[in-house]
C-alpha cells in the first residue's frame, strides 16, 4: 500500500530532490501535494483528508512551520527537515519524531522511513502528544538569544570581539577564530558549542572542521563533478573541499 504523503517545503530544488529519493525507495509513496508556505499548508490540511505522513521543512518563506502545527489539526507522523543542526534536533531526539538534516541523503531518508514503519501502528493520540510537546519545546527555545560577542584569547589576555567582526571558526589542535580583518585568536569553546550559539542564517558549517560566515564565502570553485571547493575571505590556510551533497546545498543558498 502506498504511503499518502504531503511535502511542505519552499525550496523547489529540495522538493524535487526529496521526491526523487522517495521514488527510489522500495516503499511506494503517493505524493498528494507539495506546499510552499504556512498559508498554503494550513489551507490544504483544512480541506483534505489527513495524509499518512508529512515531510515538513521548519523554515518557510513566510515564517516558522511550527505555526502550521499550532493552527491545523495534524494527526499523522511528521518528519521534520532542517538546514540547522541546533536546538530543533535536540527536541526531535527528545520527542522521538523523525528529522532530516539538509542536505538530505537517500540513506537518511531510508532510515527515517524505517522508523516510520516501525512506529506507524502507534495510536493517533501518541503522535498528537509528541507534536504538541515539540511545539512547546521549540516555542521556548525560540526565545534563545544568539551570542553577540565572544571572549577570545590573545596570549595571556582575553579580547571581547563582536560576532559581526568574525569571518569563520575552525578547529586545528585548538579552536581558532579568524576575524574579517584577518586577525586570528584562540577560543575556549568547541565548534559544536559555537554552532549552537550563533545565528544559523549568518553562519554555515562547511564541514566538521570549519564554520564560516555566509558573507565570507568569496567563491565556489569546481572541484569534481557536482562538488565545490570554497574560497573564503580572509583566505583559509588550506583548501576546503565540500561533499557532493553539501556542495548542492551551499549552491542552493544562492539560487
C-alpha atoms as a PDB file:
ATOM      1  CA  UNK A   1       0.000   0.000   0.000  1.00  0.00           C
ATOM      2  CA  UNK A   2       1.273   3.448  -0.901  1.00  0.00           C
ATOM      3  CA  UNK A   3       2.110   5.950   1.827  1.00  0.00           C
ATOM      4  CA  UNK A   4      -0.018   9.045   1.226  1.00  0.00           C
ATOM      5  CA  UNK A   5       2.480  11.851   1.656  1.00  0.00           C
ATOM      6  CA  UNK A   6       2.354  15.640   1.950  1.00  0.00           C
ATOM      7  CA  UNK A   7       5.557  17.638   1.427  1.00  0.00           C
ATOM      8  CA  UNK A   8       5.847  21.121   2.949  1.00  0.00           C
ATOM      9  CA  UNK A   9       8.986  22.751   1.564  1.00  0.00           C
ATOM     10  CA  UNK A  10       9.572  26.164  -0.034  1.00  0.00           C
ATOM     11  CA  UNK A  11      12.699  25.242  -1.996  1.00  0.00           C
ATOM     12  CA  UNK A  12      11.834  23.726  -5.379  1.00  0.00           C
ATOM     13  CA  UNK A  13      15.211  22.005  -5.712  1.00  0.00           C
ATOM     14  CA  UNK A  14      14.893  20.465  -2.254  1.00  0.00           C
ATOM     15  CA  UNK A  15      11.367  19.230  -3.035  1.00  0.00           C
ATOM     16  CA  UNK A  16      12.468  17.614  -6.287  1.00  0.00           C
ATOM     17  CA  UNK A  17      15.429  16.040  -4.540  1.00  0.00           C
ATOM     18  CA  UNK A  18      13.225  14.539  -1.832  1.00  0.00           C
ATOM     19  CA  UNK A  19      10.674  13.218  -4.320  1.00  0.00           C
ATOM     20  CA  UNK A  20      13.439  11.619  -6.365  1.00  0.00           C
ATOM     21  CA  UNK A  21      14.771   9.869  -3.251  1.00  0.00           C
ATOM     22  CA  UNK A  22      11.290   8.665  -2.251  1.00  0.00           C
ATOM     23  CA  UNK A  23      10.683   7.297  -5.754  1.00  0.00           C
ATOM     24  CA  UNK A  24      13.890   5.277  -5.476  1.00  0.00           C
ATOM     25  CA  UNK A  25      12.930   3.556  -2.208  1.00  0.00           C
ATOM     26  CA  UNK A  26      11.333   0.079  -2.114  1.00  0.00           C
ATOM     27  CA  UNK A  27       8.262   1.513  -0.370  1.00  0.00           C
ATOM     28  CA  UNK A  28       5.711   3.190  -2.630  1.00  0.00           C
ATOM     29  CA  UNK A  29       4.708   6.793  -1.964  1.00  0.00           C
ATOM     30  CA  UNK A  30       1.691   8.749  -3.209  1.00  0.00           C
ATOM     31  CA  UNK A  31       2.680  12.424  -3.188  1.00  0.00           C
ATOM     32  CA  UNK A  32      -0.656  14.104  -2.507  1.00  0.00           C
ATOM     33  CA  UNK A  33       0.633  17.674  -2.726  1.00  0.00           C
ATOM     34  CA  UNK A  34       3.609  19.946  -2.189  1.00  0.00           C
ATOM     35  CA  UNK A  35       3.003  23.152  -0.206  1.00  0.00           C
ATOM     36  CA  UNK A  36       5.458  26.029  -0.123  1.00  0.00           C
ATOM     37  CA  UNK A  37       4.145  28.269   2.650  1.00  0.00           C
ATOM     38  CA  UNK A  38       2.436  28.230   6.034  1.00  0.00           C
ATOM     39  CA  UNK A  39      -0.735  29.688   4.497  1.00  0.00           C
ATOM     40  CA  UNK A  40      -0.923  27.105   1.701  1.00  0.00           C
ATOM     41  CA  UNK A  41      -0.166  24.246   4.098  1.00  0.00           C
ATOM     42  CA  UNK A  42      -2.904  25.207   6.550  1.00  0.00           C
ATOM     43  CA  UNK A  43      -5.386  25.631   3.702  1.00  0.00           C
ATOM     44  CA  UNK A  44      -4.526  22.213   2.267  1.00  0.00           C
ATOM     45  CA  UNK A  45      -4.746  20.452   5.635  1.00  0.00           C
ATOM     46  CA  UNK A  46      -8.100  22.056   6.409  1.00  0.00           C
ATOM     47  CA  UNK A  47      -9.580  20.963   3.080  1.00  0.00           C
ATOM     48  CA  UNK A  48      -8.201  17.443   2.609  1.00  0.00           C
ATOM     49  CA  UNK A  49      -8.100  14.187   4.487  1.00  0.00           C
ATOM     50  CA  UNK A  50      -5.077  13.755   6.725  1.00  0.00           C
ATOM     51  CA  UNK A  51      -2.171  12.080   4.883  1.00  0.00           C
ATOM     52  CA  UNK A  52      -0.278   9.110   6.254  1.00  0.00           C
ATOM     53  CA  UNK A  53       2.938  11.099   6.557  1.00  0.00           C
ATOM     54  CA  UNK A  54       4.169  14.696   6.299  1.00  0.00           C
ATOM     55  CA  UNK A  55       7.637  15.937   5.403  1.00  0.00           C
ATOM     56  CA  UNK A  56       7.846  19.456   6.829  1.00  0.00           C
ATOM     57  CA  UNK A  57      10.678  21.968   6.455  1.00  0.00           C
ATOM     58  CA  UNK A  58      10.985  24.075   9.589  1.00  0.00           C
ATOM     59  CA  UNK A  59      11.911  27.379   7.946  1.00  0.00           C
ATOM     60  CA  UNK A  60       9.495  28.517   5.236  1.00  0.00           C
ATOM     61  CA  UNK A  61       9.407  31.753   3.295  1.00  0.00           C
ATOM     62  CA  UNK A  62       6.578  33.159   5.431  1.00  0.00           C
ATOM     63  CA  UNK A  63       7.788  32.001   8.829  1.00  0.00           C
ATOM     64  CA  UNK A  64       8.305  29.019  11.112  1.00  0.00           C
ATOM     65  CA  UNK A  65       6.388  25.892  10.126  1.00  0.00           C
ATOM     66  CA  UNK A  66       5.521  25.149  13.744  1.00  0.00           C
ATOM     67  CA  UNK A  67       2.789  27.741  13.183  1.00  0.00           C
ATOM     68  CA  UNK A  68       1.159  25.094  10.987  1.00  0.00           C
ATOM     69  CA  UNK A  69       1.044  22.656  13.904  1.00  0.00           C
ATOM     70  CA  UNK A  70      -0.365  25.358  16.153  1.00  0.00           C
ATOM     71  CA  UNK A  71      -3.180  26.138  13.702  1.00  0.00           C
ATOM     72  CA  UNK A  72      -4.081  22.950  11.828  1.00  0.00           C
ATOM     73  CA  UNK A  73      -5.095  19.650  13.383  1.00  0.00           C
ATOM     74  CA  UNK A  74      -2.420  17.137  12.398  1.00  0.00           C
ATOM     75  CA  UNK A  75      -2.980  13.524  13.407  1.00  0.00           C
ATOM     76  CA  UNK A  76      -0.219  11.834  11.425  1.00  0.00           C
ATOM     77  CA  UNK A  77       3.543  11.494  11.928  1.00  0.00           C
ATOM     78  CA  UNK A  78       5.743  14.364  10.804  1.00  0.00           C
ATOM     79  CA  UNK A  79       9.298  14.092   9.550  1.00  0.00           C
ATOM     80  CA  UNK A  80      10.884  17.491  10.026  1.00  0.00           C
ATOM     81  CA  UNK A  81      13.536  18.895   7.699  1.00  0.00           C
ATOM     82  CA  UNK A  82      16.090  21.472   8.810  1.00  0.00           C
ATOM     83  CA  UNK A  83      19.291  23.016   7.497  1.00  0.00           C
ATOM     84  CA  UNK A  84      20.436  23.889  11.002  1.00  0.00           C
ATOM     85  CA  UNK A  85      21.977  21.372  13.373  1.00  0.00           C
ATOM     86  CA  UNK A  86      20.913  23.147  16.547  1.00  0.00           C
ATOM     87  CA  UNK A  87      18.073  23.341  19.101  1.00  0.00           C
ATOM     88  CA  UNK A  88      15.434  21.659  16.925  1.00  0.00           C
ATOM     89  CA  UNK A  89      17.366  18.429  16.581  1.00  0.00           C
ATOM     90  CA  UNK A  90      17.690  18.105  20.344  1.00  0.00           C
ATOM     91  CA  UNK A  91      13.919  18.466  20.588  1.00  0.00           C
ATOM     92  CA  UNK A  92      13.336  15.837  17.892  1.00  0.00           C
ATOM     93  CA  UNK A  93      15.506  13.344  19.730  1.00  0.00           C
ATOM     94  CA  UNK A  94      13.632  14.000  22.936  1.00  0.00           C
ATOM     95  CA  UNK A  95      10.182  13.542  21.426  1.00  0.00           C
ATOM     96  CA  UNK A  96      11.096  10.689  19.080  1.00  0.00           C
ATOM     97  CA  UNK A  97       9.825  12.489  15.969  1.00  0.00           C
ATOM     98  CA  UNK A  98      11.877  11.889  12.836  1.00  0.00           C
ATOM     99  CA  UNK A  99      14.036  14.599  11.305  1.00  0.00           C
ATOM    100  CA  UNK A 100      16.279  15.083   8.291  1.00  0.00           C
ATOM    101  CA  UNK A 101      19.252  17.434   8.229  1.00  0.00           C
ATOM    102  CA  UNK A 102      19.892  19.210   4.925  1.00  0.00           C
ATOM    103  CA  UNK A 103      21.408  18.307   2.583  1.00  0.00           C
ATOM    104  CA  UNK A 104      19.407  15.098   2.919  1.00  0.00           C
ATOM    105  CA  UNK A 105      20.668  11.788   1.566  1.00  0.00           C
ATOM    106  CA  UNK A 106      18.957   8.598   0.435  1.00  0.00           C
ATOM    107  CA  UNK A 107      20.406   6.791   3.449  1.00  0.00           C
ATOM    108  CA  UNK A 108      18.946   9.369   5.865  1.00  0.00           C
ATOM    109  CA  UNK A 109      15.502   9.166   4.253  1.00  0.00           C
ATOM    110  CA  UNK A 110      15.596   5.377   4.226  1.00  0.00           C
ATOM    111  CA  UNK A 111      16.407   5.275   7.937  1.00  0.00           C
ATOM    112  CA  UNK A 112      13.665   7.696   8.914  1.00  0.00           C
ATOM    113  CA  UNK A 113      11.098   5.837   6.789  1.00  0.00           C
ATOM    114  CA  UNK A 114      12.120   2.637   8.552  1.00  0.00           C
ATOM    115  CA  UNK A 115      11.444   4.430  11.827  1.00  0.00           C
ATOM    116  CA  UNK A 116       8.051   5.492  10.490  1.00  0.00           C
ATOM    117  CA  UNK A 117       7.221   1.905   9.513  1.00  0.00           C
ATOM    118  CA  UNK A 118       8.244   0.656  12.941  1.00  0.00           C
ATOM    119  CA  UNK A 119       6.073   3.222  14.732  1.00  0.00           C
ATOM    120  CA  UNK A 120       3.073   3.720  12.430  1.00  0.00           C
ATOM    121  CA  UNK A 121       0.914   1.370  14.490  1.00  0.00           C
ATOM    122  CA  UNK A 122       1.117   3.747  17.423  1.00  0.00           C
ATOM    123  CA  UNK A 123      -2.210   5.312  18.287  1.00  0.00           C
ATOM    124  CA  UNK A 124      -3.024   8.748  16.917  1.00  0.00           C
ATOM    125  CA  UNK A 125      -3.107  10.412  20.319  1.00  0.00           C
ATOM    126  CA  UNK A 126       0.543   9.489  20.887  1.00  0.00           C
ATOM    127  CA  UNK A 127       1.611  11.386  17.774  1.00  0.00           C
ATOM    128  CA  UNK A 128      -0.530  14.326  18.827  1.00  0.00           C
ATOM    129  CA  UNK A 129       1.181  14.397  22.218  1.00  0.00           C
ATOM    130  CA  UNK A 130       4.601  14.292  20.580  1.00  0.00           C
ATOM    131  CA  UNK A 131       3.738  17.105  18.168  1.00  0.00           C
ATOM    132  CA  UNK A 132       2.316  19.280  20.930  1.00  0.00           C
ATOM    133  CA  UNK A 133       5.302  18.614  23.183  1.00  0.00           C
ATOM    134  CA  UNK A 134       7.694  19.530  20.383  1.00  0.00           C
ATOM    135  CA  UNK A 135       5.787  22.718  19.667  1.00  0.00           C
ATOM    136  CA  UNK A 136       6.109  23.845  23.271  1.00  0.00           C
ATOM    137  CA  UNK A 137       9.788  22.935  23.407  1.00  0.00           C
ATOM    138  CA  UNK A 138      10.606  24.873  20.254  1.00  0.00           C
ATOM    139  CA  UNK A 139       8.472  27.821  21.332  1.00  0.00           C
ATOM    140  CA  UNK A 140      10.633  28.043  24.457  1.00  0.00           C
ATOM    141  CA  UNK A 141      13.840  27.576  22.527  1.00  0.00           C
ATOM    142  CA  UNK A 142      12.815  30.251  20.025  1.00  0.00           C
ATOM    143  CA  UNK A 143      13.396  32.809  22.763  1.00  0.00           C
ATOM    144  CA  UNK A 144      17.105  31.995  22.657  1.00  0.00           C
ATOM    145  CA  UNK A 145      19.452  34.942  22.415  1.00  0.00           C
ATOM    146  CA  UNK A 146      22.212  34.193  19.941  1.00  0.00           C
ATOM    147  CA  UNK A 147      25.658  35.342  21.016  1.00  0.00           C
ATOM    148  CA  UNK A 148      26.528  38.900  20.100  1.00  0.00           C
ATOM    149  CA  UNK A 149      30.170  38.682  21.127  1.00  0.00           C
ATOM    150  CA  UNK A 150      32.854  36.206  22.156  1.00  0.00           C
ATOM    151  CA  UNK A 151      35.800  36.387  24.521  1.00  0.00           C
ATOM    152  CA  UNK A 152      38.876  35.410  22.505  1.00  0.00           C
ATOM    153  CA  UNK A 153      42.312  34.505  23.829  1.00  0.00           C
ATOM    154  CA  UNK A 154      45.266  36.708  22.909  1.00  0.00           C
ATOM    155  CA  UNK A 155      48.338  35.416  24.721  1.00  0.00           C
ATOM    156  CA  UNK A 156      47.545  35.687  28.430  1.00  0.00           C
ATOM    157  CA  UNK A 157      44.769  38.178  27.811  1.00  0.00           C
ATOM    158  CA  UNK A 158      41.177  37.848  26.592  1.00  0.00           C
ATOM    159  CA  UNK A 159      39.722  40.173  23.986  1.00  0.00           C
ATOM    160  CA  UNK A 160      35.961  40.793  23.550  1.00  0.00           C
ATOM    161  CA  UNK A 161      35.010  40.601  19.865  1.00  0.00           C
ATOM    162  CA  UNK A 162      31.593  41.262  18.321  1.00  0.00           C
ATOM    163  CA  UNK A 163      30.009  38.487  16.254  1.00  0.00           C
ATOM    164  CA  UNK A 164      29.785  40.787  13.215  1.00  0.00           C
ATOM    165  CA  UNK A 165      33.598  41.012  13.205  1.00  0.00           C
ATOM    166  CA  UNK A 166      34.071  37.254  12.788  1.00  0.00           C
ATOM    167  CA  UNK A 167      34.668  35.615   9.400  1.00  0.00           C
ATOM    168  CA  UNK A 168      34.979  31.978  10.458  1.00  0.00           C
ATOM    169  CA  UNK A 169      35.744  29.479  13.227  1.00  0.00           C
ATOM    170  CA  UNK A 170      37.962  26.463  12.616  1.00  0.00           C
ATOM    171  CA  UNK A 171      39.495  23.554  14.503  1.00  0.00           C
ATOM    172  CA  UNK A 172      43.151  22.556  14.360  1.00  0.00           C
ATOM    173  CA  UNK A 173      44.872  21.416  17.549  1.00  0.00           C
ATOM    174  CA  UNK A 174      42.736  24.133  19.173  1.00  0.00           C
ATOM    175  CA  UNK A 175      39.673  26.046  18.011  1.00  0.00           C
ATOM    176  CA  UNK A 176      40.525  29.351  16.342  1.00  0.00           C
ATOM    177  CA  UNK A 177      38.576  32.410  15.239  1.00  0.00           C
ATOM    178  CA  UNK A 178      39.565  34.473  12.205  1.00  0.00           C
ATOM    179  CA  UNK A 179      38.158  37.984  12.009  1.00  0.00           C
ATOM    180  CA  UNK A 180      37.179  39.849   8.855  1.00  0.00           C
ATOM    181  CA  UNK A 181      40.420  41.834   9.104  1.00  0.00           C
ATOM    182  CA  UNK A 182      42.468  38.606   9.065  1.00  0.00           C
ATOM    183  CA  UNK A 183      43.376  38.547  12.755  1.00  0.00           C
ATOM    184  CA  UNK A 184      43.234  35.091  14.359  1.00  0.00           C
ATOM    185  CA  UNK A 185      42.614  34.213  18.013  1.00  0.00           C
ATOM    186  CA  UNK A 186      42.095  31.083  20.088  1.00  0.00           C
ATOM    187  CA  UNK A 187      38.672  30.466  21.607  1.00  0.00           C
ATOM    188  CA  UNK A 188      37.952  28.220  24.602  1.00  0.00           C
ATOM    189  CA  UNK A 189      34.904  26.504  23.095  1.00  0.00           C
ATOM    190  CA  UNK A 190      34.276  23.547  20.808  1.00  0.00           C
ATOM    191  CA  UNK A 191      32.875  24.010  17.308  1.00  0.00           C
ATOM    192  CA  UNK A 192      29.709  22.219  18.383  1.00  0.00           C
ATOM    193  CA  UNK A 193      29.207  24.674  21.253  1.00  0.00           C
ATOM    194  CA  UNK A 194      29.846  27.608  18.948  1.00  0.00           C
ATOM    195  CA  UNK A 195      27.493  26.271  16.272  1.00  0.00           C
ATOM    196  CA  UNK A 196      24.611  26.144  18.740  1.00  0.00           C
ATOM    197  CA  UNK A 197      25.190  29.710  19.941  1.00  0.00           C
ATOM    198  CA  UNK A 198      25.382  31.612  16.619  1.00  0.00           C
ATOM    199  CA  UNK A 199      22.577  32.557  14.271  1.00  0.00           C
ATOM    200  CA  UNK A 200      22.051  29.843  11.615  1.00  0.00           C
ATOM    201  CA  UNK A 201      21.196  32.402   8.939  1.00  0.00           C
ATOM    202  CA  UNK A 202      24.569  34.109   9.342  1.00  0.00           C
ATOM    203  CA  UNK A 203      26.936  31.123   9.604  1.00  0.00           C
ATOM    204  CA  UNK A 204      27.174  27.753   7.869  1.00  0.00           C
ATOM    205  CA  UNK A 205      29.148  24.647   8.813  1.00  0.00           C
ATOM    206  CA  UNK A 206      31.149  23.790   5.704  1.00  0.00           C
ATOM    207  CA  UNK A 207      32.465  20.558   7.191  1.00  0.00           C
ATOM    208  CA  UNK A 208      33.371  19.176  10.591  1.00  0.00           C
ATOM    209  CA  UNK A 209      36.410  21.470  10.990  1.00  0.00           C
ATOM    210  CA  UNK A 210      35.097  24.884   9.923  1.00  0.00           C
ATOM    211  CA  UNK A 211      32.096  27.184  10.409  1.00  0.00           C
ATOM    212  CA  UNK A 212      32.051  30.235   8.135  1.00  0.00           C
ATOM    213  CA  UNK A 213      30.050  33.416   7.882  1.00  0.00           C
ATOM    214  CA  UNK A 214      27.913  33.169   4.758  1.00  0.00           C
ATOM    215  CA  UNK A 215      29.177  36.540   3.534  1.00  0.00           C
ATOM    216  CA  UNK A 216      32.786  35.361   3.996  1.00  0.00           C
ATOM    217  CA  UNK A 217      32.330  32.844   1.162  1.00  0.00           C
ATOM    218  CA  UNK A 218      34.153  34.576  -1.677  1.00  0.00           C
ATOM    219  CA  UNK A 219      33.571  31.939  -4.355  1.00  0.00           C
ATOM    220  CA  UNK A 220      32.793  28.306  -5.087  1.00  0.00           C
ATOM    221  CA  UNK A 221      35.325  26.607  -7.345  1.00  0.00           C
ATOM    222  CA  UNK A 222      34.502  23.414  -9.306  1.00  0.00           C
ATOM    223  CA  UNK A 223      36.466  20.558  -7.766  1.00  0.00           C
ATOM    224  CA  UNK A 224      34.957  17.320  -9.031  1.00  0.00           C
ATOM    225  CA  UNK A 225      31.644  16.657 -10.824  1.00  0.00           C
ATOM    226  CA  UNK A 226      28.946  18.054  -8.542  1.00  0.00           C
ATOM    227  CA  UNK A 227      31.464  19.161  -5.918  1.00  0.00           C
ATOM    228  CA  UNK A 228      32.987  22.505  -4.972  1.00  0.00           C
ATOM    229  CA  UNK A 229      35.924  23.846  -3.070  1.00  0.00           C
ATOM    230  CA  UNK A 230      35.219  27.010  -1.087  1.00  0.00           C
ATOM    231  CA  UNK A 231      37.325  30.160  -1.181  1.00  0.00           C
ATOM    232  CA  UNK A 232      36.934  32.298   1.928  1.00  0.00           C
ATOM    233  CA  UNK A 233      37.872  35.858   2.657  1.00  0.00           C
ATOM    234  CA  UNK A 234      40.116  36.303   4.540  1.00  0.00           C
ATOM    235  CA  UNK A 235      41.806  33.267   2.954  1.00  0.00           C
ATOM    236  CA  UNK A 236      41.759  29.999   4.883  1.00  0.00           C
ATOM    237  CA  UNK A 237      45.085  28.189   5.313  1.00  0.00           C
ATOM    238  CA  UNK A 238      44.144  25.100   3.258  1.00  0.00           C
ATOM    239  CA  UNK A 239      41.636  24.076   0.553  1.00  0.00           C
ATOM    240  CA  UNK A 240      38.076  23.492   1.738  1.00  0.00           C
ATOM    241  CA  UNK A 241      36.523  20.625  -0.209  1.00  0.00           C
ATOM    242  CA  UNK A 242      32.793  20.024   0.106  1.00  0.00           C
ATOM    243  CA  UNK A 243      30.963  16.745  -0.265  1.00  0.00           C
ATOM    244  CA  UNK A 244      28.569  16.442  -3.201  1.00  0.00           C
ATOM    245  CA  UNK A 245      25.510  16.877  -1.008  1.00  0.00           C
ATOM    246  CA  UNK A 246      26.985  19.807   0.895  1.00  0.00           C
ATOM    247  CA  UNK A 247      28.000  21.383  -2.432  1.00  0.00           C
ATOM    248  CA  UNK A 248      24.429  21.103  -3.686  1.00  0.00           C
ATOM    249  CA  UNK A 249      23.050  22.650  -0.516  1.00  0.00           C
ATOM    250  CA  UNK A 250      25.554  25.529  -0.452  1.00  0.00           C
ATOM    251  CA  UNK A 251      24.754  26.283  -4.088  1.00  0.00           C
ATOM    252  CA  UNK A 252      21.026  26.380  -3.297  1.00  0.00           C
ATOM    253  CA  UNK A 253      21.674  29.283  -0.882  1.00  0.00           C
ATOM    254  CA  UNK A 254      22.408  31.498  -3.856  1.00  0.00           C
ATOM    255  CA  UNK A 255      19.715  30.327  -6.294  1.00  0.00           C
END
